[in-house]
Amino acid sequence: MRVLAVVLNWRTPAMTLRAAAACLRALEGIEGAMTVVDNDSGDGSEALLREGTAGWPRTRVLQSGRNGGFGAGNNHGIRAGLPDGGRPDLVYVLNSDAFPDPGAVRALAGHLARHPRAGLAGSLIRGEDGVPHLTTFRFPSVASEFEGAARLGPVSRLLAARAVPVPVPAATCRVDWLAGASLMMRRDMLDRIGLFDEGFFLYYEETDLCLRAARAGWETHFVRESDVTHIGSASTGMKDWARVPDYWYDSRLRYFVRNHGPATAAAATAAHVAGG
């Protein structure tokens, strides 16, 4: 099982190098390589990444040439394949502010080897304080849009089975979709369903990918034994948003229209407004 790890950078070169170093340690004993992609940062990141990784084994730095967002940047690294021209069996996507424990990558690869129906596997994500982050979810629906906007006890209890967030599971299990901070995918699956949809600049691209995988018969698994520390929002600045950016709404609309049609997208928006 040859693994291609892809770490995407956008204007956080020091943190990306830290994430890449942790990833390289986690790849020890595993056949494959790591690609660091600079997503057209335009701030000197590429030079810093090349200098910082000089002499590292099994590592190369690529320039995407345009900032097409999370999906497009990762796709650039995935399409490039392994440095020796070979095709990986597994693709591991790691955020630039995420730091896998030494056994984290091996746990994901081993899980996929043991579960042939699983096309995607993701890690247990913890903050620097050790507290688990919520990264396990159900697919969005009209009902979940109403529940998520209402945020009212009786409504949430009534629609608990439709709410998008799923409490962090106590054990490895199947979920609808996972956040992409530390996500491993089968290359065979990607060849069948396609890579990340580059129409999403940021957000919903993992949701869309996992839904396409599910419709093609593949499962998404949360792997409790794979531990990754994650700072979160280092590139997006989400924690400091004064308002939700337009690209979030664009991604939400694209997800519903692409996967459920314009009528359902309109109903989901109406439900969100009604819930609010």
C-alpha atoms as a PDB file:
ATOM      1  CA  MET A   1       0.000   0.000   0.000  1.00  0.00           C
ATOM      2  CA  ARG A   2       1.931   3.045  -1.263  1.00  0.00           C
ATOM      3  CA  VAL A   3       0.835   6.303   0.361  1.00  0.00           C
ATOM      4  CA  LEU A   4       1.020   9.778  -1.138  1.00  0.00           C
ATOM      5  CA  ALA A   5       0.694  12.451   1.563  1.00  0.00           C
ATOM      6  CA  VAL A   6      -0.336  15.947   0.445  1.00  0.00           C
ATOM      7  CA  VAL A   7       0.083  19.009   2.675  1.00  0.00           C
ATOM      8  CA  LEU A   8      -1.397  22.227   1.294  1.00  0.00           C
ATOM      9  CA  ASN A   9       0.084  25.617   2.194  1.00  0.00           C
ATOM     10  CA  TRP A  10      -1.428  29.059   1.888  1.00  0.00           C
ATOM     11  CA  ARG A  11       0.604  31.778   3.578  1.00  0.00           C
ATOM     12  CA  THR A  12       1.534  29.726   6.663  1.00  0.00           C
ATOM     13  CA  PRO A  13       4.970  28.347   5.678  1.00  0.00           C
ATOM     14  CA  ALA A  14       6.356  27.934   9.210  1.00  0.00           C
ATOM     15  CA  MET A  15       3.293  26.020  10.373  1.00  0.00           C
ATOM     16  CA  THR A  16       3.184  24.001   7.154  1.00  0.00           C
ATOM     17  CA  LEU A  17       6.786  22.914   7.695  1.00  0.00           C
ATOM     18  CA  ARG A  18       5.880  21.819  11.217  1.00  0.00           C
ATOM     19  CA  ALA A  19       2.918  19.809   9.891  1.00  0.00           C
ATOM     20  CA  ALA A  20       5.036  18.320   7.099  1.00  0.00           C
ATOM     21  CA  ALA A  21       7.766  17.286   9.540  1.00  0.00           C
ATOM     22  CA  ALA A  22       5.172  15.513  11.718  1.00  0.00           C
ATOM     23  CA  CYS A  23       3.701  13.873   8.621  1.00  0.00           C
ATOM     24  CA  LEU A  24       7.113  12.633   7.469  1.00  0.00           C
ATOM     25  CA  ARG A  25       7.718  11.076  10.890  1.00  0.00           C
ATOM     26  CA  ALA A  26       4.303   9.388  10.678  1.00  0.00           C
ATOM     27  CA  LEU A  27       5.239   7.975   7.251  1.00  0.00           C
ATOM     28  CA  GLU A  28       8.294   6.139   8.621  1.00  0.00           C
ATOM     29  CA  GLY A  29       8.141   2.477   7.651  1.00  0.00           C
ATOM     30  CA  ILE A  30       5.417   3.139   5.084  1.00  0.00           C
ATOM     31  CA  GLU A  31       6.149   3.030   1.372  1.00  0.00           C
ATOM     32  CA  GLY A  32       5.361   6.279  -0.418  1.00  0.00           C
ATOM     33  CA  ALA A  33       6.219   9.974  -0.322  1.00  0.00           C
ATOM     34  CA  MET A  34       5.021  13.442   0.679  1.00  0.00           C
ATOM     35  CA  THR A  35       4.185  16.423  -1.509  1.00  0.00           C
ATOM     36  CA  VAL A  36       3.885  19.938  -0.113  1.00  0.00           C
ATOM     37  CA  VAL A  37       1.807  22.194  -2.375  1.00  0.00           C
ATOM     38  CA  ASP A  38       2.012  25.968  -2.186  1.00  0.00           C
ATOM     39  CA  ASN A  39      -1.378  27.277  -3.275  1.00  0.00           C
ATOM     40  CA  ASP A  40      -0.086  30.405  -5.027  1.00  0.00           C
ATOM     41  CA  SER A  41       0.544  32.194  -1.731  1.00  0.00           C
ATOM     42  CA  GLY A  42       2.436  35.025  -3.394  1.00  0.00           C
ATOM     43  CA  ASP A  43       4.221  35.864  -0.149  1.00  0.00           C
ATOM     44  CA  GLY A  44       7.497  33.969  -0.542  1.00  0.00           C
ATOM     45  CA  SER A  45       6.080  30.787   0.977  1.00  0.00           C
ATOM     46  CA  GLU A  46       7.290  28.568  -1.841  1.00  0.00           C
ATOM     47  CA  ALA A  47      10.924  29.569  -1.362  1.00  0.00           C
ATOM     48  CA  LEU A  48      10.673  29.073   2.400  1.00  0.00           C
ATOM     49  CA  LEU A  49       9.116  25.644   1.915  1.00  0.00           C
ATOM     50  CA  ARG A  50      11.801  24.580  -0.553  1.00  0.00           C
ATOM     51  CA  GLU A  51      14.526  25.810   1.777  1.00  0.00           C
ATOM     52  CA  GLY A  52      12.902  24.203   4.826  1.00  0.00           C
ATOM     53  CA  THR A  53      12.499  20.787   3.198  1.00  0.00           C
ATOM     54  CA  ALA A  54      15.894  20.700   1.491  1.00  0.00           C
ATOM     55  CA  GLY A  55      17.496  17.352   2.247  1.00  0.00           C
ATOM     56  CA  TRP A  56      14.290  15.769   3.528  1.00  0.00           C
ATOM     57  CA  PRO A  57      13.757  12.231   2.233  1.00  0.00           C
ATOM     58  CA  ARG A  58      10.775  11.388   0.017  1.00  0.00           C
ATOM     59  CA  THR A  59       9.599  15.003  -0.053  1.00  0.00           C
ATOM     60  CA  ARG A  60       8.991  17.525  -2.813  1.00  0.00           C
ATOM     61  CA  VAL A  61       7.442  20.981  -3.056  1.00  0.00           C
ATOM     62  CA  LEU A  62       5.078  21.920  -5.889  1.00  0.00           C
ATOM     63  CA  GLN A  63       3.540  25.232  -6.910  1.00  0.00           C
ATOM     64  CA  SER A  64      -0.144  25.060  -7.838  1.00  0.00           C
ATOM     65  CA  GLY A  65       0.051  28.227  -9.928  1.00  0.00           C
ATOM     66  CA  ARG A  66      -3.336  29.497  -8.749  1.00  0.00           C
ATOM     67  CA  ASN A  67      -5.282  29.717  -5.518  1.00  0.00           C
ATOM     68  CA  GLY A  68      -8.320  27.700  -6.527  1.00  0.00           C
ATOM     69  CA  GLY A  69      -9.125  26.791  -2.939  1.00  0.00           C
ATOM     70  CA  PHE A  70      -8.705  23.717  -0.759  1.00  0.00           C
ATOM     71  CA  GLY A  71      -9.912  21.159  -3.279  1.00  0.00           C
ATOM     72  CA  ALA A  72      -7.999  22.529  -6.258  1.00  0.00           C
ATOM     73  CA  GLY A  73      -4.760  22.786  -4.301  1.00  0.00           C
ATOM     74  CA  ASN A  74      -4.967  19.229  -3.010  1.00  0.00           C
ATOM     75  CA  ASN A  75      -5.975  17.966  -6.447  1.00  0.00           C
ATOM     76  CA  HIS A  76      -2.795  19.480  -7.862  1.00  0.00           C
ATOM     77  CA  GLY A  77      -0.721  17.352  -5.502  1.00  0.00           C
ATOM     78  CA  ILE A  78      -2.829  14.235  -6.043  1.00  0.00           C
ATOM     79  CA  ARG A  79      -2.630  14.461  -9.849  1.00  0.00           C
ATOM     80  CA  ALA A  80       1.163  14.783  -9.682  1.00  0.00           C
ATOM     81  CA  GLY A  81       1.362  11.319  -8.111  1.00  0.00           C
ATOM     82  CA  LEU A  82       4.456   9.961  -6.444  1.00  0.00           C
ATOM     83  CA  PRO A  83       7.802  11.640  -7.233  1.00  0.00           C
ATOM     84  CA  ASP A  84       9.051   8.488  -8.965  1.00  0.00           C
ATOM     85  CA  GLY A  85       6.119   8.655 -11.387  1.00  0.00           C
ATOM     86  CA  GLY A  86       4.312   5.826  -9.680  1.00  0.00           C
ATOM     87  CA  ARG A  87       0.674   5.632  -8.731  1.00  0.00           C
ATOM     88  CA  PRO A  88      -0.146   5.564  -5.004  1.00  0.00           C
ATOM     89  CA  ASP A  89      -2.661   3.127  -3.552  1.00  0.00           C
ATOM     90  CA  LEU A  90      -3.717   5.632  -0.900  1.00  0.00           C
ATOM     91  CA  VAL A  91      -3.810   9.423  -0.758  1.00  0.00           C
ATOM     92  CA  TYR A  92      -3.478  11.144   2.623  1.00  0.00           C
ATOM     93  CA  VAL A  93      -4.566  14.784   2.870  1.00  0.00           C
ATOM     94  CA  LEU A  94      -3.279  16.728   5.886  1.00  0.00           C
ATOM     95  CA  ASN A  95      -4.071  20.316   6.844  1.00  0.00           C
ATOM     96  CA  SER A  96      -1.146  22.667   7.275  1.00  0.00           C
ATOM     97  CA  ASP A  97      -2.122  23.217  10.927  1.00  0.00           C
ATOM     98  CA  ALA A  98      -2.527  19.520  11.780  1.00  0.00           C
ATOM     99  CA  PHE A  99       0.168  17.342  13.340  1.00  0.00           C
ATOM    100  CA  PRO A 100      -0.250  13.554  13.235  1.00  0.00           C
ATOM    101  CA  ASP A 101       1.046  11.354  16.028  1.00  0.00           C
ATOM    102  CA  PRO A 102       3.735   8.869  14.901  1.00  0.00           C
ATOM    103  CA  GLY A 103       1.210   6.046  14.400  1.00  0.00           C
ATOM    104  CA  ALA A 104      -1.616   8.109  12.928  1.00  0.00           C
ATOM    105  CA  VAL A 105      -0.969   7.463   9.229  1.00  0.00           C
ATOM    106  CA  ARG A 106      -0.257   3.781   9.783  1.00  0.00           C
ATOM    107  CA  ALA A 107      -3.551   3.414  11.670  1.00  0.00           C
ATOM    108  CA  LEU A 108      -5.524   4.863   8.746  1.00  0.00           C
ATOM    109  CA  ALA A 109      -3.711   2.784   6.128  1.00  0.00           C
ATOM    110  CA  GLY A 110      -4.094  -0.368   8.201  1.00  0.00           C
ATOM    111  CA  HIS A 111      -7.796   0.267   8.699  1.00  0.00           C
ATOM    112  CA  LEU A 112      -8.385   0.651   4.960  1.00  0.00           C
ATOM    113  CA  ALA A 113      -6.392  -2.527   4.324  1.00  0.00           C
ATOM    114  CA  ARG A 114      -8.688  -4.436   6.706  1.00  0.00           C
ATOM    115  CA  HIS A 115     -11.940  -2.898   5.437  1.00  0.00           C
ATOM    116  CA  PRO A 116     -12.145  -3.118   1.640  1.00  0.00           C
ATOM    117  CA  ARG A 117     -15.526  -1.349   1.480  1.00  0.00           C
ATOM    118  CA  ALA A 118     -14.114   1.730   3.197  1.00  0.00           C
ATOM    119  CA  GLY A 119     -12.994   4.322   0.671  1.00  0.00           C
ATOM    120  CA  LEU A 120     -12.144   7.079   3.139  1.00  0.00           C
ATOM    121  CA  ALA A 121     -10.782   7.048   6.690  1.00  0.00           C
ATOM    122  CA  GLY A 122     -10.239   9.991   9.015  1.00  0.00           C
ATOM    123  CA  SER A 123      -8.494  10.595  12.312  1.00  0.00           C
ATOM    124  CA  LEU A 124      -9.519  11.590  15.795  1.00  0.00           C
ATOM    125  CA  ILE A 125      -8.719  15.306  15.855  1.00  0.00           C
ATOM    126  CA  ARG A 126      -7.701  16.948  19.114  1.00  0.00           C
ATOM    127  CA  GLY A 127      -6.895  20.543  19.987  1.00  0.00           C
ATOM    128  CA  GLU A 128      -3.569  21.468  21.498  1.00  0.00           C
ATOM    129  CA  ASP A 129      -5.308  21.184  24.876  1.00  0.00           C
ATOM    130  CA  GLY A 130      -6.086  17.531  24.154  1.00  0.00           C
ATOM    131  CA  VAL A 131      -9.837  18.089  23.833  1.00  0.00           C
ATOM    132  CA  PRO A 132     -11.351  16.231  20.819  1.00  0.00           C
ATOM    133  CA  HIS A 133     -12.704  18.374  17.997  1.00  0.00           C
ATOM    134  CA  LEU A 134     -16.052  17.623  16.397  1.00  0.00           C
ATOM    135  CA  THR A 135     -15.212  16.254  12.932  1.00  0.00           C
ATOM    136  CA  THR A 136     -17.864  13.550  12.427  1.00  0.00           C
ATOM    137  CA  PHE A 137     -21.076  14.478  10.635  1.00  0.00           C
ATOM    138  CA  ARG A 138     -24.296  13.423   8.903  1.00  0.00           C
ATOM    139  CA  PHE A 139     -25.069  14.620   5.408  1.00  0.00           C
ATOM    140  CA  PRO A 140     -26.983  17.938   5.370  1.00  0.00           C
ATOM    141  CA  SER A 141     -30.702  17.859   4.586  1.00  0.00           C
ATOM    142  CA  VAL A 142     -33.736  20.133   4.655  1.00  0.00           C
ATOM    143  CA  ALA A 143     -34.480  18.972   8.210  1.00  0.00           C
ATOM    144  CA  SER A 144     -30.911  19.534   9.384  1.00  0.00           C
ATOM    145  CA  GLU A 145     -30.965  23.061   7.944  1.00  0.00           C
ATOM    146  CA  PHE A 146     -34.033  23.834  10.057  1.00  0.00           C
ATOM    147  CA  GLU A 147     -32.555  22.251  13.199  1.00  0.00           C
ATOM    148  CA  GLY A 148     -29.161  23.907  12.810  1.00  0.00           C
ATOM    149  CA  ALA A 149     -30.668  27.368  12.392  1.00  0.00           C
ATOM    150  CA  ALA A 150     -33.312  27.025  15.117  1.00  0.00           C
ATOM    151  CA  ARG A 151     -30.896  25.823  17.837  1.00  0.00           C
ATOM    152  CA  LEU A 152     -33.877  25.304  20.126  1.00  0.00           C
ATOM    153  CA  GLY A 153     -34.015  22.453  22.649  1.00  0.00           C
ATOM    154  CA  PRO A 154     -37.366  20.899  21.681  1.00  0.00           C
ATOM    155  CA  VAL A 155     -36.567  21.167  17.953  1.00  0.00           C
ATOM    156  CA  SER A 156     -33.096  19.664  18.388  1.00  0.00           C
ATOM    157  CA  ARG A 157     -34.474  16.773  20.435  1.00  0.00           C
ATOM    158  CA  LEU A 158     -37.173  16.100  17.847  1.00  0.00           C
ATOM    159  CA  LEU A 159     -34.668  16.189  14.951  1.00  0.00           C
ATOM    160  CA  ALA A 160     -31.692  14.690  16.785  1.00  0.00           C
ATOM    161  CA  ALA A 161     -31.331  11.932  14.204  1.00  0.00           C
ATOM    162  CA  ARG A 162     -31.126  14.515  11.403  1.00  0.00           C
ATOM    163  CA  ALA A 163     -28.683  16.980  12.979  1.00  0.00           C
ATOM    164  CA  VAL A 164     -25.449  17.309  11.016  1.00  0.00           C
ATOM    165  CA  PRO A 165     -22.945  17.135  13.913  1.00  0.00           C
ATOM    166  CA  VAL A 166     -22.368  13.680  15.407  1.00  0.00           C
ATOM    167  CA  PRO A 167     -20.823  13.559  18.907  1.00  0.00           C
ATOM    168  CA  VAL A 168     -17.254  12.275  18.820  1.00  0.00           C
ATOM    169  CA  PRO A 169     -17.620   8.464  18.671  1.00  0.00           C
ATOM    170  CA  ALA A 170     -16.125   6.413  21.479  1.00  0.00           C
ATOM    171  CA  ALA A 171     -14.838   3.818  19.008  1.00  0.00           C
ATOM    172  CA  THR A 172     -13.974   3.399  15.350  1.00  0.00           C
ATOM    173  CA  CYS A 173     -17.153   3.446  13.273  1.00  0.00           C
ATOM    174  CA  ARG A 174     -18.819   4.392  10.005  1.00  0.00           C
ATOM    175  CA  VAL A 175     -20.033   7.986   9.537  1.00  0.00           C
ATOM    176  CA  ASP A 176     -21.556   9.971   6.668  1.00  0.00           C
ATOM    177  CA  TRP A 177     -18.646  12.383   6.263  1.00  0.00           C
ATOM    178  CA  LEU A 178     -15.547  13.677   8.013  1.00  0.00           C
ATOM    179  CA  ALA A 179     -13.696  16.976   8.127  1.00  0.00           C
ATOM    180  CA  GLY A 180     -10.633  16.873   5.885  1.00  0.00           C
ATOM    181  CA  ALA A 181      -7.937  17.863   8.372  1.00  0.00           C
ATOM    182  CA  SER A 182      -6.512  14.327   8.314  1.00  0.00           C
ATOM    183  CA  LEU A 183      -8.185  12.182   5.686  1.00  0.00           C
ATOM    184  CA  MET A 184      -6.972   9.098   3.806  1.00  0.00           C
ATOM    185  CA  MET A 185      -8.595   7.993   0.533  1.00  0.00           C
ATOM    186  CA  ARG A 186      -8.238   5.065  -1.822  1.00  0.00           C
ATOM    187  CA  ARG A 187      -6.849   6.052  -5.192  1.00  0.00           C
ATOM    188  CA  ASP A 188      -9.076   3.422  -6.863  1.00  0.00           C
ATOM    189  CA  MET A 189     -12.112   5.171  -5.399  1.00  0.00           C
ATOM    190  CA  LEU A 190     -10.936   8.585  -6.575  1.00  0.00           C
ATOM    191  CA  ASP A 191     -10.411   7.180 -10.063  1.00  0.00           C
ATOM    192  CA  ARG A 192     -14.077   6.127 -10.077  1.00  0.00           C
ATOM    193  CA  ILE A 193     -15.781   9.140  -8.477  1.00  0.00           C
ATOM    194  CA  GLY A 194     -13.296  11.918  -9.277  1.00  0.00           C
ATOM    195  CA  LEU A 195     -11.163  14.143  -7.074  1.00  0.00           C
ATOM    196  CA  PHE A 196     -12.380  17.105  -5.022  1.00  0.00           C
ATOM    197  CA  ASP A 197     -14.890  19.238  -6.923  1.00  0.00           C
ATOM    198  CA  GLU A 198     -12.941  22.422  -7.675  1.00  0.00           C
ATOM    199  CA  GLY A 199     -16.181  24.386  -7.881  1.00  0.00           C
ATOM    200  CA  PHE A 200     -15.991  24.567  -4.074  1.00  0.00           C
ATOM    201  CA  PHE A 201     -13.446  27.186  -3.057  1.00  0.00           C
ATOM    202  CA  LEU A 202     -13.606  26.291   0.623  1.00  0.00           C
ATOM    203  CA  TYR A 203     -16.051  24.257   2.749  1.00  0.00           C
ATOM    204  CA  TYR A 204     -18.410  21.459   1.687  1.00  0.00           C
ATOM    205  CA  GLU A 205     -15.802  19.862  -0.600  1.00  0.00           C
ATOM    206  CA  GLU A 206     -15.279  16.956   1.840  1.00  0.00           C
ATOM    207  CA  THR A 207     -19.054  16.616   2.305  1.00  0.00           C
ATOM    208  CA  ASP A 208     -19.527  16.417  -1.452  1.00  0.00           C
ATOM    209  CA  LEU A 209     -16.692  13.909  -1.907  1.00  0.00           C
ATOM    210  CA  CYS A 210     -17.994  11.606   0.838  1.00  0.00           C
ATOM    211  CA  LEU A 211     -21.525  11.762  -0.599  1.00  0.00           C
ATOM    212  CA  ARG A 212     -20.270  10.862  -4.090  1.00  0.00           C
ATOM    213  CA  ALA A 213     -18.311   8.003  -2.534  1.00  0.00           C
ATOM    214  CA  ALA A 214     -21.384   6.744  -0.647  1.00  0.00           C
ATOM    215  CA  ARG A 215     -23.493   6.834  -3.804  1.00  0.00           C
ATOM    216  CA  ALA A 216     -20.823   4.751  -5.539  1.00  0.00           C
ATOM    217  CA  GLY A 217     -20.896   2.141  -2.766  1.00  0.00           C
ATOM    218  CA  TRP A 218     -17.920   3.274  -0.662  1.00  0.00           C
ATOM    219  CA  GLU A 219     -17.984   3.853   3.096  1.00  0.00           C
ATOM    220  CA  THR A 220     -16.398   6.606   5.207  1.00  0.00           C
ATOM    221  CA  HIS A 221     -14.888   5.491   8.533  1.00  0.00           C
ATOM    222  CA  PHE A 222     -13.814   7.408  11.625  1.00  0.00           C
ATOM    223  CA  VAL A 223     -10.672   5.750  13.026  1.00  0.00           C
ATOM    224  CA  ARG A 224     -10.362   6.430  16.727  1.00  0.00           C
ATOM    225  CA  GLU A 225      -6.841   4.932  16.882  1.00  0.00           C
ATOM    226  CA  SER A 226      -5.426   7.628  14.562  1.00  0.00           C
ATOM    227  CA  ASP A 227      -4.601  10.725  16.635  1.00  0.00           C
ATOM    228  CA  VAL A 228      -3.894  14.154  15.161  1.00  0.00           C
ATOM    229  CA  THR A 229      -3.429  17.495  16.913  1.00  0.00           C
ATOM    230  CA  HIS A 230      -5.098  20.375  15.093  1.00  0.00           C
ATOM    231  CA  ILE A 231      -4.920  24.111  15.693  1.00  0.00           C
ATOM    232  CA  GLY A 232      -7.796  24.935  13.334  1.00  0.00           C
ATOM    233  CA  SER A 233      -8.562  27.912  11.059  1.00  0.00           C
ATOM    234  CA  ALA A 234      -4.911  28.918  10.751  1.00  0.00           C
ATOM    235  CA  SER A 235      -5.270  29.704   7.034  1.00  0.00           C
ATOM    236  CA  THR A 236      -8.969  30.643   6.892  1.00  0.00           C
ATOM    237  CA  GLY A 237      -9.107  32.819  10.007  1.00  0.00           C
ATOM    238  CA  MET A 238     -12.555  31.368  10.728  1.00  0.00           C
ATOM    239  CA  LYS A 239     -12.258  31.963  14.476  1.00  0.00           C
ATOM    240  CA  ASP A 240     -12.028  35.702  13.855  1.00  0.00           C
ATOM    241  CA  TRP A 241     -14.776  36.042  11.241  1.00  0.00           C
ATOM    242  CA  ALA A 242     -16.951  39.111  11.798  1.00  0.00           C
ATOM    243  CA  ARG A 243     -19.355  37.688   9.210  1.00  0.00           C
ATOM    244  CA  VAL A 244     -19.562  34.490   7.213  1.00  0.00           C
ATOM    245  CA  PRO A 245     -17.784  35.029   3.854  1.00  0.00           C
ATOM    246  CA  ASP A 246     -19.631  34.743   0.566  1.00  0.00           C
ATOM    247  CA  TYR A 247     -17.687  31.653  -0.489  1.00  0.00           C
ATOM    248  CA  TRP A 248     -19.227  29.688   2.413  1.00  0.00           C
ATOM    249  CA  TYR A 249     -22.724  30.459   1.138  1.00  0.00           C
ATOM    250  CA  ASP A 250     -21.620  29.741  -2.425  1.00  0.00           C
ATOM    251  CA  SER A 251     -20.297  26.327  -1.353  1.00  0.00           C
ATOM    252  CA  ARG A 252     -23.469  25.512   0.582  1.00  0.00           C
ATOM    253  CA  LEU A 253     -25.651  26.384  -2.395  1.00  0.00           C
ATOM    254  CA  ARG A 254     -23.452  24.406  -4.786  1.00  0.00           C
ATOM    255  CA  TYR A 255     -23.620  21.356  -2.522  1.00  0.00           C
ATOM    256  CA  PHE A 256     -27.407  21.283  -2.405  1.00  0.00           C
ATOM    257  CA  VAL A 257     -27.959  22.123  -6.089  1.00  0.00           C
ATOM    258  CA  ARG A 258     -25.291  19.683  -7.325  1.00  0.00           C
ATOM    259  CA  ASN A 259     -26.387  16.773  -5.156  1.00  0.00           C
ATOM    260  CA  HIS A 260     -30.110  17.295  -4.599  1.00  0.00           C
ATOM    261  CA  GLY A 261     -31.325  19.703  -7.280  1.00  0.00           C
ATOM    262  CA  PRO A 262     -32.562  23.325  -7.287  1.00  0.00           C
ATOM    263  CA  ALA A 263     -35.903  22.517  -5.637  1.00  0.00           C
ATOM    264  CA  THR A 264     -34.279  20.876  -2.619  1.00  0.00           C
ATOM    265  CA  ALA A 265     -31.720  23.680  -2.435  1.00  0.00           C
ATOM    266  CA  ALA A 266     -34.575  26.195  -2.270  1.00  0.00           C
ATOM    267  CA  ALA A 267     -36.361  24.116   0.373  1.00  0.00           C
ATOM    268  CA  ALA A 268     -33.158  23.857   2.437  1.00  0.00           C
ATOM    269  CA  THR A 269     -32.706  27.630   2.309  1.00  0.00           C
ATOM    270  CA  ALA A 270     -36.342  28.196   3.269  1.00  0.00           C
ATOM    271  CA  ALA A 271     -35.946  25.766   6.178  1.00  0.00           C
ATOM    272  CA  HIS A 272     -32.809  27.572   7.336  1.00  0.00           C
ATOM    273  CA  VAL A 273     -34.571  30.945   7.271  1.00  0.00           C
ATOM    274  CA  ALA A 274     -37.655  29.518   9.018  1.00  0.00           C
ATOM    275  CA  GLY A 275     -35.508  27.877  11.692  1.00  0.00           C
ATOM    276  CA  GLY A 276     -33.635  31.107  12.287  1.00  0.00           C
END
